[in-house]
Amino acid sequence: MGELSSTTEISNHDTDSVDERVLVRKIDLYLLPAIWLMYFLSYVDRTNIGNAKEAGMQKDLHLSSGQYSLALIVFFITYVLFEVPSKFYGSQRRVRPSTYQRSWCSGGHSPAAWQQVKSYKHLIALRTFLGFLEAGFSPGVILLFSSWYRRDEQSKRFAVYLSAAILSGAFGGLLAGGILDSLEGSHGIRGWRWLFIIEGVVSIGWAFVSYFLLLDFPANSLRLSNKERSLAVSRLELDRKIDRSGGGGSLGPLRVRI
């Protein structure tokens, strides 16, 4: 009887109720623009080393081809090494997501500090540090999406999130070209240094703004009313019930919609 009651409750649930649609739009408004721009800037920060090379960084720092290649690689070493621990830490829910994502703010300090890069060793240190700081960003996004969206809602949000990386490649070069052309030699600073300074400062500024936009967990978010928090929690609990009752797996989202 208990199982029958649970199944009836699930089948009678209106997954597209007016209140729920309004809530999902509100969640999207808080999360998607902030996360999208954070990822866009993050990707621009980590890939601008190629634009800096063409603008004279390799010559100014007297880098060989091997040294430049190593500077590219060390970012991914620390990024991969610390991504799994940061994912585990975030999954324990010991810190608020809005606070957890602020760690990405520190990632902007690394590019901004490139004005002080004087040698190959400084370059390696900063790239290594940048990989460490940004390792927790993607796990934090996964934590946020899984905390707020049903399984059938997550794929579209991840597609929006990942589009930032594609567009950063398209527009990152244009932004870099504008900065390099207009600021080369300004105040005695090379253009490639200005490139990292400006984009690093923008990253830091947006990270602080995002702290006031990003939601925490549904049960304790201060940006939602009591009714909205209750609905946010109940819709995710129902999603788990559907999963346990046989609606999970690869066809889970389809079954929910049907």
C-alpha atoms as a PDB file:
ATOM      1  CA  MET A   1       0.000   0.000   0.000  1.00  0.00           C
ATOM      2  CA  GLY A   2       2.832   2.367   0.888  1.00  0.00           C
ATOM      3  CA  GLU A   3       4.449   1.795  -2.488  1.00  0.00           C
ATOM      4  CA  LEU A   4       1.101   2.333  -4.243  1.00  0.00           C
ATOM      5  CA  SER A   5       0.563   5.568  -2.326  1.00  0.00           C
ATOM      6  CA  SER A   6       4.018   6.820  -3.298  1.00  0.00           C
ATOM      7  CA  THR A   7       3.395   6.009  -6.952  1.00  0.00           C
ATOM      8  CA  THR A   8       0.035   7.787  -6.876  1.00  0.00           C
ATOM      9  CA  GLU A   9       1.636  10.850  -5.286  1.00  0.00           C
ATOM     10  CA  ILE A  10       4.238  10.970  -8.026  1.00  0.00           C
ATOM     11  CA  SER A  11       1.794  10.509 -10.871  1.00  0.00           C
ATOM     12  CA  ASN A  12      -0.520  13.196  -9.498  1.00  0.00           C
ATOM     13  CA  HIS A  13       2.255  15.729  -9.136  1.00  0.00           C
ATOM     14  CA  ASP A  14       2.056  18.562 -11.656  1.00  0.00           C
ATOM     15  CA  THR A  15       5.669  19.066 -12.677  1.00  0.00           C
ATOM     16  CA  ASP A  16       4.752  22.175 -14.673  1.00  0.00           C
ATOM     17  CA  SER A  17       2.643  24.031 -12.116  1.00  0.00           C
ATOM     18  CA  VAL A  18       2.556  27.803 -12.411  1.00  0.00           C
ATOM     19  CA  ASP A  19       4.344  28.293  -9.076  1.00  0.00           C
ATOM     20  CA  GLU A  20       7.080  25.887 -10.076  1.00  0.00           C
ATOM     21  CA  ARG A  21       7.648  27.520 -13.454  1.00  0.00           C
ATOM     22  CA  VAL A  22       7.936  30.912 -11.767  1.00  0.00           C
ATOM     23  CA  LEU A  23      10.382  29.477  -9.242  1.00  0.00           C
ATOM     24  CA  VAL A  24      12.559  27.875 -11.935  1.00  0.00           C
ATOM     25  CA  ARG A  25      12.700  31.154 -13.871  1.00  0.00           C
ATOM     26  CA  LYS A  26      13.745  32.948 -10.703  1.00  0.00           C
ATOM     27  CA  ILE A  27      16.462  30.345 -10.026  1.00  0.00           C
ATOM     28  CA  ASP A  28      17.675  30.729 -13.616  1.00  0.00           C
ATOM     29  CA  LEU A  29      17.839  34.499 -13.211  1.00  0.00           C
ATOM     30  CA  TYR A  30      20.005  34.201 -10.115  1.00  0.00           C
ATOM     31  CA  LEU A  31      22.303  31.402 -11.245  1.00  0.00           C
ATOM     32  CA  LEU A  32      22.761  31.280 -15.012  1.00  0.00           C
ATOM     33  CA  PRO A  33      23.977  34.837 -15.845  1.00  0.00           C
ATOM     34  CA  ALA A  34      26.380  34.921 -12.897  1.00  0.00           C
ATOM     35  CA  ILE A  35      27.835  31.467 -13.562  1.00  0.00           C
ATOM     36  CA  TRP A  36      27.982  32.001 -17.320  1.00  0.00           C
ATOM     37  CA  LEU A  37      29.999  35.202 -17.070  1.00  0.00           C
ATOM     38  CA  MET A  38      32.242  33.730 -14.367  1.00  0.00           C
ATOM     39  CA  TYR A  39      33.088  30.799 -16.624  1.00  0.00           C
ATOM     40  CA  PHE A  40      33.551  33.070 -19.632  1.00  0.00           C
ATOM     41  CA  LEU A  41      36.062  35.238 -17.759  1.00  0.00           C
ATOM     42  CA  SER A  42      37.736  32.217 -16.216  1.00  0.00           C
ATOM     43  CA  TYR A  43      38.287  30.667 -19.629  1.00  0.00           C
ATOM     44  CA  VAL A  44      39.594  33.936 -21.058  1.00  0.00           C
ATOM     45  CA  ASP A  45      42.035  34.277 -18.147  1.00  0.00           C
ATOM     46  CA  ARG A  46      43.493  30.810 -18.599  1.00  0.00           C
ATOM     47  CA  THR A  47      43.825  30.971 -22.404  1.00  0.00           C
ATOM     48  CA  ASN A  48      45.154  34.503 -22.831  1.00  0.00           C
ATOM     49  CA  ILE A  49      48.697  33.295 -22.447  1.00  0.00           C
ATOM     50  CA  GLY A  50      48.608  32.558 -26.196  1.00  0.00           C
ATOM     51  CA  ASN A  51      47.646  36.148 -27.004  1.00  0.00           C
ATOM     52  CA  ALA A  52      50.307  37.385 -24.599  1.00  0.00           C
ATOM     53  CA  LYS A  53      52.921  35.283 -26.338  1.00  0.00           C
ATOM     54  CA  GLU A  54      52.109  36.863 -29.699  1.00  0.00           C
ATOM     55  CA  ALA A  55      52.230  40.307 -28.074  1.00  0.00           C
ATOM     56  CA  GLY A  56      55.832  39.896 -26.947  1.00  0.00           C
ATOM     57  CA  MET A  57      55.702  38.011 -23.633  1.00  0.00           C
ATOM     58  CA  GLN A  58      57.962  35.214 -24.832  1.00  0.00           C
ATOM     59  CA  LYS A  59      60.606  37.693 -25.970  1.00  0.00           C
ATOM     60  CA  ASP A  60      60.369  39.886 -22.852  1.00  0.00           C
ATOM     61  CA  LEU A  61      60.750  36.914 -20.486  1.00  0.00           C
ATOM     62  CA  HIS A  62      63.361  35.195 -22.691  1.00  0.00           C
ATOM     63  CA  LEU A  63      61.341  31.985 -22.907  1.00  0.00           C
ATOM     64  CA  SER A  64      62.369  29.046 -25.025  1.00  0.00           C
ATOM     65  CA  SER A  65      59.695  26.976 -26.787  1.00  0.00           C
ATOM     66  CA  GLY A  66      60.063  24.258 -24.148  1.00  0.00           C
ATOM     67  CA  GLN A  67      59.663  26.713 -21.288  1.00  0.00           C
ATOM     68  CA  TYR A  68      56.563  28.223 -22.854  1.00  0.00           C
ATOM     69  CA  SER A  69      55.046  24.758 -23.332  1.00  0.00           C
ATOM     70  CA  LEU A  70      55.740  23.888 -19.702  1.00  0.00           C
ATOM     71  CA  ALA A  71      54.049  27.104 -18.593  1.00  0.00           C
ATOM     72  CA  LEU A  72      50.954  25.927 -20.470  1.00  0.00           C
ATOM     73  CA  ILE A  73      51.011  22.462 -18.926  1.00  0.00           C
ATOM     74  CA  VAL A  74      51.534  23.320 -15.242  1.00  0.00           C
ATOM     75  CA  PHE A  75      48.120  24.987 -15.082  1.00  0.00           C
ATOM     76  CA  PHE A  76      46.392  21.714 -15.938  1.00  0.00           C
ATOM     77  CA  ILE A  77      48.515  19.695 -13.511  1.00  0.00           C
ATOM     78  CA  THR A  78      47.306  21.573 -10.446  1.00  0.00           C
ATOM     79  CA  TYR A  79      43.832  21.980 -11.965  1.00  0.00           C
ATOM     80  CA  VAL A  80      43.391  18.198 -12.289  1.00  0.00           C
ATOM     81  CA  LEU A  81      45.081  17.345  -8.988  1.00  0.00           C
ATOM     82  CA  PHE A  82      42.878  19.620  -6.911  1.00  0.00           C
ATOM     83  CA  GLU A  83      39.607  19.261  -8.832  1.00  0.00           C
ATOM     84  CA  VAL A  84      38.702  15.935  -7.208  1.00  0.00           C
ATOM     85  CA  PRO A  85      39.447  17.055  -3.603  1.00  0.00           C
ATOM     86  CA  SER A  86      37.505  20.272  -4.177  1.00  0.00           C
ATOM     87  CA  LYS A  87      34.567  18.274  -5.530  1.00  0.00           C
ATOM     88  CA  PHE A  88      34.608  16.061  -2.438  1.00  0.00           C
ATOM     89  CA  TYR A  89      34.830  19.076  -0.156  1.00  0.00           C
ATOM     90  CA  GLY A  90      31.937  20.809  -1.878  1.00  0.00           C
ATOM     91  CA  SER A  91      29.783  17.671  -1.819  1.00  0.00           C
ATOM     92  CA  GLN A  92      30.007  17.593   1.977  1.00  0.00           C
ATOM     93  CA  ARG A  93      28.071  20.890   2.023  1.00  0.00           C
ATOM     94  CA  ARG A  94      30.327  22.347   4.671  1.00  0.00           C
ATOM     95  CA  VAL A  95      30.333  25.729   2.991  1.00  0.00           C
ATOM     96  CA  ARG A  96      27.681  27.834   1.289  1.00  0.00           C
ATOM     97  CA  PRO A  97      27.860  27.640  -2.542  1.00  0.00           C
ATOM     98  CA  SER A  98      27.931  31.438  -2.862  1.00  0.00           C
ATOM     99  CA  THR A  99      30.952  31.478  -0.565  1.00  0.00           C
ATOM    100  CA  TYR A 100      32.534  28.421  -2.178  1.00  0.00           C
ATOM    101  CA  GLN A 101      32.372  30.011  -5.615  1.00  0.00           C
ATOM    102  CA  ARG A 102      34.071  33.134  -4.291  1.00  0.00           C
ATOM    103  CA  SER A 103      37.288  31.110  -4.245  1.00  0.00           C
ATOM    104  CA  TRP A 104      37.228  31.656  -7.989  1.00  0.00           C
ATOM    105  CA  CYS A 105      37.586  35.370  -7.216  1.00  0.00           C
ATOM    106  CA  SER A 106      41.133  34.689  -6.089  1.00  0.00           C
ATOM    107  CA  GLY A 107      41.828  33.230  -9.512  1.00  0.00           C
ATOM    108  CA  GLY A 108      41.592  36.724 -10.927  1.00  0.00           C
ATOM    109  CA  HIS A 109      44.455  37.863  -8.701  1.00  0.00           C
ATOM    110  CA  SER A 110      46.837  35.582 -10.564  1.00  0.00           C
ATOM    111  CA  PRO A 111      46.398  37.175 -14.029  1.00  0.00           C
ATOM    112  CA  ALA A 112      46.294  40.645 -12.449  1.00  0.00           C
ATOM    113  CA  ALA A 113      49.649  39.937 -10.805  1.00  0.00           C
ATOM    114  CA  TRP A 114      51.315  39.383 -14.170  1.00  0.00           C
ATOM    115  CA  GLN A 115      52.477  42.978 -14.165  1.00  0.00           C
ATOM    116  CA  GLN A 116      55.134  41.814 -11.738  1.00  0.00           C
ATOM    117  CA  VAL A 117      56.274  38.794 -13.783  1.00  0.00           C
ATOM    118  CA  LYS A 118      59.973  39.245 -14.424  1.00  0.00           C
ATOM    119  CA  SER A 119      61.169  35.738 -15.250  1.00  0.00           C
ATOM    120  CA  TYR A 120      60.280  32.229 -16.315  1.00  0.00           C
ATOM    121  CA  LYS A 121      60.072  31.113 -12.665  1.00  0.00           C
ATOM    122  CA  HIS A 122      57.503  33.797 -11.875  1.00  0.00           C
ATOM    123  CA  LEU A 123      55.442  32.677 -14.877  1.00  0.00           C
ATOM    124  CA  ILE A 124      55.477  29.032 -13.770  1.00  0.00           C
ATOM    125  CA  ALA A 125      54.507  29.981 -10.215  1.00  0.00           C
ATOM    126  CA  LEU A 126      51.538  32.065 -11.333  1.00  0.00           C
ATOM    127  CA  ARG A 127      50.244  29.462 -13.806  1.00  0.00           C
ATOM    128  CA  THR A 128      50.517  26.781 -11.117  1.00  0.00           C
ATOM    129  CA  PHE A 129      48.666  28.971  -8.628  1.00  0.00           C
ATOM    130  CA  LEU A 130      45.961  29.787 -11.164  1.00  0.00           C
ATOM    131  CA  GLY A 131      45.293  26.073 -11.751  1.00  0.00           C
ATOM    132  CA  PHE A 132      44.963  25.481  -8.022  1.00  0.00           C
ATOM    133  CA  LEU A 133      42.520  28.357  -7.524  1.00  0.00           C
ATOM    134  CA  GLU A 134      40.270  27.500 -10.457  1.00  0.00           C
ATOM    135  CA  ALA A 135      40.122  23.765  -9.746  1.00  0.00           C
ATOM    136  CA  GLY A 136      37.035  24.170  -7.572  1.00  0.00           C
ATOM    137  CA  PHE A 137      34.948  26.167 -10.023  1.00  0.00           C
ATOM    138  CA  SER A 138      33.432  23.385 -12.156  1.00  0.00           C
ATOM    139  CA  PRO A 139      32.678  21.129  -9.143  1.00  0.00           C
ATOM    140  CA  GLY A 140      30.979  24.122  -7.550  1.00  0.00           C
ATOM    141  CA  VAL A 141      28.770  24.602 -10.609  1.00  0.00           C
ATOM    142  CA  ILE A 142      27.808  20.920 -10.561  1.00  0.00           C
ATOM    143  CA  LEU A 143      26.942  21.236  -6.882  1.00  0.00           C
ATOM    144  CA  LEU A 144      24.754  24.280  -7.525  1.00  0.00           C
ATOM    145  CA  PHE A 145      22.871  22.767 -10.448  1.00  0.00           C
ATOM    146  CA  SER A 146      22.245  19.467  -8.670  1.00  0.00           C
ATOM    147  CA  SER A 147      21.049  21.381  -5.590  1.00  0.00           C
ATOM    148  CA  TRP A 148      18.466  23.444  -7.467  1.00  0.00           C
ATOM    149  CA  TYR A 149      17.346  21.621 -10.612  1.00  0.00           C
ATOM    150  CA  ARG A 150      15.587  18.347 -11.297  1.00  0.00           C
ATOM    151  CA  ARG A 151      17.465  15.829 -13.414  1.00  0.00           C
ATOM    152  CA  ASP A 152      15.418  16.643 -16.513  1.00  0.00           C
ATOM    153  CA  GLU A 153      16.180  20.355 -16.089  1.00  0.00           C
ATOM    154  CA  GLN A 154      19.931  20.133 -15.676  1.00  0.00           C
ATOM    155  CA  SER A 155      21.044  19.339 -19.227  1.00  0.00           C
ATOM    156  CA  LYS A 156      19.798  22.642 -20.670  1.00  0.00           C
ATOM    157  CA  ARG A 157      21.499  24.597 -17.889  1.00  0.00           C
ATOM    158  CA  PHE A 158      24.774  22.773 -18.430  1.00  0.00           C
ATOM    159  CA  ALA A 159      24.545  23.546 -22.148  1.00  0.00           C
ATOM    160  CA  VAL A 160      24.177  27.260 -21.368  1.00  0.00           C
ATOM    161  CA  TYR A 161      27.085  27.057 -18.916  1.00  0.00           C
ATOM    162  CA  LEU A 162      29.406  25.306 -21.393  1.00  0.00           C
ATOM    163  CA  SER A 163      28.568  27.763 -24.166  1.00  0.00           C
ATOM    164  CA  ALA A 164      30.672  30.311 -22.293  1.00  0.00           C
ATOM    165  CA  ALA A 165      33.836  28.382 -23.173  1.00  0.00           C
ATOM    166  CA  ILE A 166      32.921  28.390 -26.869  1.00  0.00           C
ATOM    167  CA  LEU A 167      32.140  32.099 -26.951  1.00  0.00           C
ATOM    168  CA  SER A 168      35.260  32.949 -24.962  1.00  0.00           C
ATOM    169  CA  GLY A 169      37.299  31.513 -27.811  1.00  0.00           C
ATOM    170  CA  ALA A 170      35.361  33.606 -30.313  1.00  0.00           C
ATOM    171  CA  PHE A 171      35.460  36.907 -28.432  1.00  0.00           C
ATOM    172  CA  GLY A 172      38.570  36.481 -26.276  1.00  0.00           C
ATOM    173  CA  GLY A 173      40.827  37.278 -29.223  1.00  0.00           C
ATOM    174  CA  LEU A 174      38.818  40.386 -30.106  1.00  0.00           C
ATOM    175  CA  LEU A 175      39.000  41.657 -26.529  1.00  0.00           C
ATOM    176  CA  ALA A 176      42.712  40.934 -26.382  1.00  0.00           C
ATOM    177  CA  GLY A 177      43.297  42.727 -29.675  1.00  0.00           C
ATOM    178  CA  GLY A 178      41.487  45.825 -28.444  1.00  0.00           C
ATOM    179  CA  ILE A 179      43.464  45.938 -25.209  1.00  0.00           C
ATOM    180  CA  LEU A 180      46.807  45.323 -26.901  1.00  0.00           C
ATOM    181  CA  ASP A 181      46.251  47.924 -29.613  1.00  0.00           C
ATOM    182  CA  SER A 182      45.063  50.671 -27.285  1.00  0.00           C
ATOM    183  CA  LEU A 183      47.305  50.165 -24.238  1.00  0.00           C
ATOM    184  CA  GLU A 184      50.650  48.995 -25.619  1.00  0.00           C
ATOM    185  CA  GLY A 185      53.322  50.983 -23.777  1.00  0.00           C
ATOM    186  CA  SER A 186      50.802  52.987 -21.746  1.00  0.00           C
ATOM    187  CA  HIS A 187      52.386  54.143 -18.456  1.00  0.00           C
ATOM    188  CA  GLY A 188      55.486  52.227 -19.442  1.00  0.00           C
ATOM    189  CA  ILE A 189      53.703  48.855 -19.289  1.00  0.00           C
ATOM    190  CA  ARG A 190      53.727  46.394 -22.181  1.00  0.00           C
ATOM    191  CA  GLY A 191      50.413  45.533 -23.793  1.00  0.00           C
ATOM    192  CA  TRP A 192      50.507  41.848 -22.808  1.00  0.00           C
ATOM    193  CA  ARG A 193      50.803  42.865 -19.160  1.00  0.00           C
ATOM    194  CA  TRP A 194      47.807  45.181 -19.526  1.00  0.00           C
ATOM    195  CA  LEU A 195      45.909  42.263 -21.009  1.00  0.00           C
ATOM    196  CA  PHE A 196      46.235  40.226 -17.827  1.00  0.00           C
ATOM    197  CA  ILE A 197      45.800  43.194 -15.502  1.00  0.00           C
ATOM    198  CA  ILE A 198      42.500  44.336 -17.010  1.00  0.00           C
ATOM    199  CA  GLU A 199      40.943  40.908 -17.424  1.00  0.00           C
ATOM    200  CA  GLY A 200      42.114  39.839 -13.971  1.00  0.00           C
ATOM    201  CA  VAL A 201      40.572  42.911 -12.352  1.00  0.00           C
ATOM    202  CA  VAL A 202      37.294  42.358 -14.239  1.00  0.00           C
ATOM    203  CA  SER A 203      37.244  38.735 -13.026  1.00  0.00           C
ATOM    204  CA  ILE A 204      37.767  39.812  -9.425  1.00  0.00           C
ATOM    205  CA  GLY A 205      35.049  42.452  -9.665  1.00  0.00           C
ATOM    206  CA  TRP A 206      32.475  40.084 -11.143  1.00  0.00           C
ATOM    207  CA  ALA A 207      33.257  37.417  -8.552  1.00  0.00           C
ATOM    208  CA  PHE A 208      32.376  39.873  -5.768  1.00  0.00           C
ATOM    209  CA  VAL A 209      29.181  40.911  -7.556  1.00  0.00           C
ATOM    210  CA  SER A 210      28.253  37.258  -8.041  1.00  0.00           C
ATOM    211  CA  TYR A 211      28.449  36.660  -4.305  1.00  0.00           C
ATOM    212  CA  PHE A 212      25.256  38.709  -3.991  1.00  0.00           C
ATOM    213  CA  LEU A 213      23.568  36.885  -6.882  1.00  0.00           C
ATOM    214  CA  LEU A 214      24.348  33.217  -6.364  1.00  0.00           C
ATOM    215  CA  LEU A 215      21.906  31.140  -4.381  1.00  0.00           C
ATOM    216  CA  ASP A 216      22.853  28.839  -1.528  1.00  0.00           C
ATOM    217  CA  PHE A 217      20.992  25.614  -0.793  1.00  0.00           C
ATOM    218  CA  PRO A 218      17.187  25.529  -1.260  1.00  0.00           C
ATOM    219  CA  ALA A 219      16.512  25.037   2.438  1.00  0.00           C
ATOM    220  CA  ASN A 220      18.440  28.100   3.601  1.00  0.00           C
ATOM    221  CA  SER A 221      18.643  30.562   0.719  1.00  0.00           C
ATOM    222  CA  LEU A 222      17.807  34.071   1.914  1.00  0.00           C
ATOM    223  CA  ARG A 223      16.909  35.231  -1.584  1.00  0.00           C
ATOM    224  CA  LEU A 224      13.724  33.162  -1.677  1.00  0.00           C
ATOM    225  CA  SER A 225      10.530  33.418   0.341  1.00  0.00           C
ATOM    226  CA  ASN A 226       9.500  30.663   2.749  1.00  0.00           C
ATOM    227  CA  LYS A 227       6.983  29.378   0.193  1.00  0.00           C
ATOM    228  CA  GLU A 228       9.600  29.308  -2.553  1.00  0.00           C
ATOM    229  CA  ARG A 229      12.112  27.507  -0.352  1.00  0.00           C
ATOM    230  CA  SER A 230       9.503  24.908   0.562  1.00  0.00           C
ATOM    231  CA  LEU A 231       8.631  24.353  -3.103  1.00  0.00           C
ATOM    232  CA  ALA A 232      12.301  24.155  -4.078  1.00  0.00           C
ATOM    233  CA  VAL A 233      12.924  21.454  -1.480  1.00  0.00           C
ATOM    234  CA  SER A 234       9.757  19.457  -2.224  1.00  0.00           C
ATOM    235  CA  ARG A 235      10.309  19.348  -5.985  1.00  0.00           C
ATOM    236  CA  LEU A 236      13.784  17.883  -5.517  1.00  0.00           C
ATOM    237  CA  GLU A 237      12.521  15.368  -2.955  1.00  0.00           C
ATOM    238  CA  LEU A 238       9.889  14.267  -5.446  1.00  0.00           C
ATOM    239  CA  ASP A 239      12.562  13.923  -8.123  1.00  0.00           C
ATOM    240  CA  ARG A 240      14.446  11.524  -5.848  1.00  0.00           C
ATOM    241  CA  LYS A 241      11.249   9.540  -5.228  1.00  0.00           C
ATOM    242  CA  ILE A 242      10.750   9.175  -8.968  1.00  0.00           C
ATOM    243  CA  ASP A 243      14.329   7.948  -9.251  1.00  0.00           C
ATOM    244  CA  ARG A 244      13.850   5.366  -6.503  1.00  0.00           C
ATOM    245  CA  SER A 245      10.502   4.199  -7.906  1.00  0.00           C
ATOM    246  CA  GLY A 246      12.022   3.292 -11.243  1.00  0.00           C
ATOM    247  CA  GLY A 247      11.934   6.579 -13.105  1.00  0.00           C
ATOM    248  CA  GLY A 248      15.694   7.034 -12.972  1.00  0.00           C
ATOM    249  CA  GLY A 249      18.379   6.075 -15.410  1.00  0.00           C
ATOM    250  CA  SER A 250      18.840   7.499 -18.876  1.00  0.00           C
ATOM    251  CA  LEU A 251      15.074   7.594 -19.516  1.00  0.00           C
ATOM    252  CA  GLY A 252      14.290   9.281 -16.199  1.00  0.00           C
ATOM    253  CA  PRO A 253      13.855  12.815 -17.575  1.00  0.00           C
ATOM    254  CA  LEU A 254      11.699  11.500 -20.428  1.00  0.00           C
ATOM    255  CA  ARG A 255       9.443   9.625 -18.014  1.00  0.00           C
ATOM    256  CA  VAL A 256       8.987  12.701 -15.883  1.00  0.00           C
ATOM    257  CA  ARG A 257       7.848  14.723 -18.868  1.00  0.00           C
ATOM    258  CA  ILE A 258       5.505  11.955 -20.086  1.00  0.00           C
END
